[in-house]
Amino acid sequence: MSQDDQEEGAHELPVSLDQETALAQRADYVGFKHPPKATQFKPKQSGNPKGRRPGSKNHETILREILAERVVVTEGNRRRKISRLELSIRRLVEKAMKGDVKALQMILALRQAGEATGRALGYQLTEVDKHILESLALRIEDKEGGS
């Protein structure tokens, strides 16, 4: 160490935690988690002053809105409006009924997620619901075994 460094006493590491704490409490201390006072945020000043634009949406909000949009579908002679989410699930079930294994896996995953949510909300699948889902799974297994 040169004599200049000793005189300044600059950049010496504290020997103990007590010394480090004492240094950190000094107003002019600059180090880990202690930036220079001139660069610190002023009271009531944000680190992102412009912030997020009011009314901007995140991806979850956009997806929820798109899935909630209602579209017209024709079933037999009837035309009715259903949500895009319902339409997607109906198409997924149709694919599973035709033997698409990935579609069945997605339905079963949705069912499990729904059951977990239902349990959290106090809702339980009826016996009819369980029977329908079990028969669907059996039909898919039969088609896989027969192929």
Protein backbone atom coordinates (compact mmCIF):
# COMPACT_ATOMS: atom_id res chain seq x y z
CA MET A 1 0.00 0.00 0.00
CA SER A 2 1.37 3.40 -0.91
CA GLN A 3 1.52 6.27 1.48
CA ASP A 4 -1.15 8.18 -0.50
CA ASP A 5 -3.64 5.34 0.00
CA GLN A 6 -2.91 5.21 3.72
CA GLU A 7 -3.38 8.93 4.08
CA GLU A 8 -6.73 8.93 2.31
CA GLY A 9 -7.88 5.77 4.06
CA ALA A 10 -9.96 5.15 0.95
CA HIS A 11 -11.36 1.84 -0.21
CA GLU A 12 -10.32 -0.20 2.81
CA LEU A 13 -12.67 -3.06 3.56
CA PRO A 14 -14.20 -3.07 7.04
CA VAL A 15 -12.67 -5.63 9.31
CA SER A 16 -15.82 -6.59 11.20
CA LEU A 17 -19.58 -6.29 10.89
CA ASP A 18 -19.61 -3.65 13.61
CA GLN A 19 -17.21 -1.48 11.62
CA GLU A 20 -19.23 -2.08 8.43
CA THR A 21 -22.45 -1.07 10.21
CA ALA A 22 -20.77 2.04 11.58
CA LEU A 23 -19.58 2.97 8.08
CA ALA A 24 -23.01 2.37 6.57
CA GLN A 25 -24.57 4.73 9.09
CA ARG A 26 -22.33 7.58 8.01
CA ALA A 27 -24.11 10.02 5.71
CA ASP A 28 -21.31 10.08 3.13
CA TYR A 29 -20.78 6.28 2.97
CA VAL A 30 -20.87 4.86 -0.56
CA GLY A 31 -20.84 1.10 -1.06
CA PHE A 32 -23.00 -1.98 -1.57
CA LYS A 33 -26.69 -0.94 -1.36
CA HIS A 34 -25.58 2.61 -0.55
CA PRO A 35 -25.38 4.67 -3.77
CA PRO A 36 -24.07 8.23 -3.75
CA LYS A 37 -26.59 10.67 -2.29
CA ALA A 38 -26.68 12.69 -5.52
CA THR A 39 -27.97 9.67 -7.49
CA GLN A 40 -30.50 8.38 -4.94
CA PHE A 41 -34.22 8.89 -5.58
CA LYS A 42 -35.59 11.97 -3.94
CA PRO A 43 -38.52 11.57 -1.53
CA LYS A 44 -41.82 10.98 -3.40
CA GLN A 45 -39.95 10.49 -6.69
CA SER A 46 -40.44 7.26 -8.62
CA GLY A 47 -37.66 5.29 -10.29
CA ASN A 48 -39.90 5.17 -13.36
CA PRO A 49 -41.45 8.65 -13.54
CA LYS A 50 -43.41 8.07 -16.75
CA GLY A 51 -44.62 4.70 -15.49
CA ARG A 52 -47.09 2.41 -17.23
CA ARG A 53 -49.51 4.20 -19.50
CA PRO A 54 -53.04 4.41 -18.05
CA GLY A 55 -55.33 1.96 -19.76
CA SER A 56 -52.57 -0.29 -21.10
CA LYS A 57 -53.37 -3.99 -20.74
CA ASN A 58 -51.22 -6.95 -19.90
CA HIS A 59 -51.40 -10.22 -21.83
CA GLU A 60 -53.74 -11.87 -19.31
CA THR A 61 -56.30 -9.08 -19.64
CA ILE A 62 -56.13 -9.17 -23.44
CA LEU A 63 -56.54 -12.96 -23.51
CA ARG A 64 -59.46 -12.82 -21.06
CA GLU A 65 -61.21 -10.20 -23.21
CA ILE A 66 -60.68 -12.14 -26.45
CA LEU A 67 -61.94 -15.39 -24.92
CA ALA A 68 -64.99 -13.60 -23.50
CA GLU A 69 -66.01 -12.19 -26.92
CA ARG A 70 -69.17 -13.77 -28.20
CA VAL A 71 -69.39 -15.38 -31.63
CA VAL A 72 -72.36 -16.75 -33.56
CA VAL A 73 -72.44 -20.53 -34.05
CA THR A 74 -74.98 -22.69 -35.84
CA GLU A 75 -76.04 -25.94 -34.20
CA GLY A 76 -78.49 -27.79 -36.42
CA ASN A 77 -81.04 -25.13 -37.41
CA ARG A 78 -80.33 -22.88 -34.45
CA ARG A 79 -77.98 -19.92 -34.38
CA ARG A 80 -76.76 -18.74 -31.02
CA LYS A 81 -74.01 -16.70 -29.46
CA ILE A 82 -71.39 -18.33 -27.25
CA SER A 83 -68.03 -17.16 -25.94
CA ARG A 84 -64.85 -17.99 -27.82
CA LEU A 85 -63.71 -19.91 -24.75
CA GLU A 86 -66.81 -22.13 -24.88
CA LEU A 87 -66.35 -22.64 -28.62
CA SER A 88 -62.71 -23.62 -28.10
CA ILE A 89 -63.62 -26.13 -25.40
CA ARG A 90 -66.42 -27.58 -27.55
CA ARG A 91 -63.99 -28.08 -30.45
CA LEU A 92 -61.46 -29.63 -28.10
CA VAL A 93 -64.08 -32.10 -26.85
CA GLU A 94 -65.09 -32.94 -30.45
CA LYS A 95 -61.46 -33.71 -31.31
CA ALA A 96 -61.13 -35.88 -28.21
CA MET A 97 -64.31 -37.76 -29.16
CA LYS A 98 -62.75 -38.50 -32.57
CA GLY A 99 -59.69 -40.01 -30.92
CA ASP A 100 -57.23 -37.13 -30.63
CA VAL A 101 -55.09 -38.11 -27.64
CA LYS A 102 -53.58 -34.64 -27.15
CA ALA A 103 -57.07 -33.14 -27.04
CA LEU A 104 -58.08 -35.67 -24.38
CA GLN A 105 -54.99 -34.88 -22.35
CA MET A 106 -55.82 -31.17 -22.52
CA ILE A 107 -59.41 -31.85 -21.43
CA LEU A 108 -58.25 -33.94 -18.49
CA ALA A 109 -55.75 -31.22 -17.50
CA LEU A 110 -58.52 -28.61 -17.70
CA ARG A 111 -60.74 -30.87 -15.63
CA GLN A 112 -58.10 -31.25 -12.93
CA ALA A 113 -57.48 -27.50 -12.88
CA GLY A 114 -61.23 -26.92 -12.70
CA GLU A 115 -61.62 -29.41 -9.88
CA ALA A 116 -58.86 -27.69 -7.92
CA THR A 117 -60.52 -24.33 -8.50
CA GLY A 118 -63.91 -25.83 -7.69
CA ARG A 119 -62.60 -27.25 -4.43
CA ALA A 120 -61.21 -23.83 -3.59
CA LEU A 121 -64.62 -22.29 -4.34
CA GLY A 122 -66.57 -25.14 -2.74
CA TYR A 123 -67.91 -26.63 -6.02
CA GLN A 124 -67.86 -30.38 -6.74
CA LEU A 125 -68.45 -32.25 -10.00
CA THR A 126 -71.78 -34.03 -10.11
CA GLU A 127 -71.91 -37.77 -10.64
CA VAL A 128 -73.21 -37.16 -14.17
CA ASP A 129 -70.19 -34.93 -14.94
CA LYS A 130 -67.80 -37.57 -13.62
CA HIS A 131 -69.56 -40.32 -15.59
CA ILE A 132 -69.35 -38.33 -18.84
CA LEU A 133 -65.65 -37.61 -18.41
CA GLU A 134 -64.86 -41.24 -17.47
CA SER A 135 -66.77 -42.63 -20.48
CA LEU A 136 -64.96 -40.17 -22.74
CA ALA A 137 -61.60 -41.34 -21.40
CA LEU A 138 -62.60 -44.99 -21.90
CA ARG A 139 -63.68 -44.34 -25.50
CA ILE A 140 -60.33 -42.74 -26.27
CA GLU A 141 -58.44 -45.64 -24.64
CA ASP A 142 -60.45 -48.14 -26.72
CA LYS A 143 -59.59 -46.29 -29.93
CA GLU A 144 -55.89 -46.21 -28.99
CA GLY A 145 -55.85 -49.93 -28.22
CA GLY A 146 -57.68 -50.81 -31.44
CA SER A 147 -55.31 -48.84 -33.68
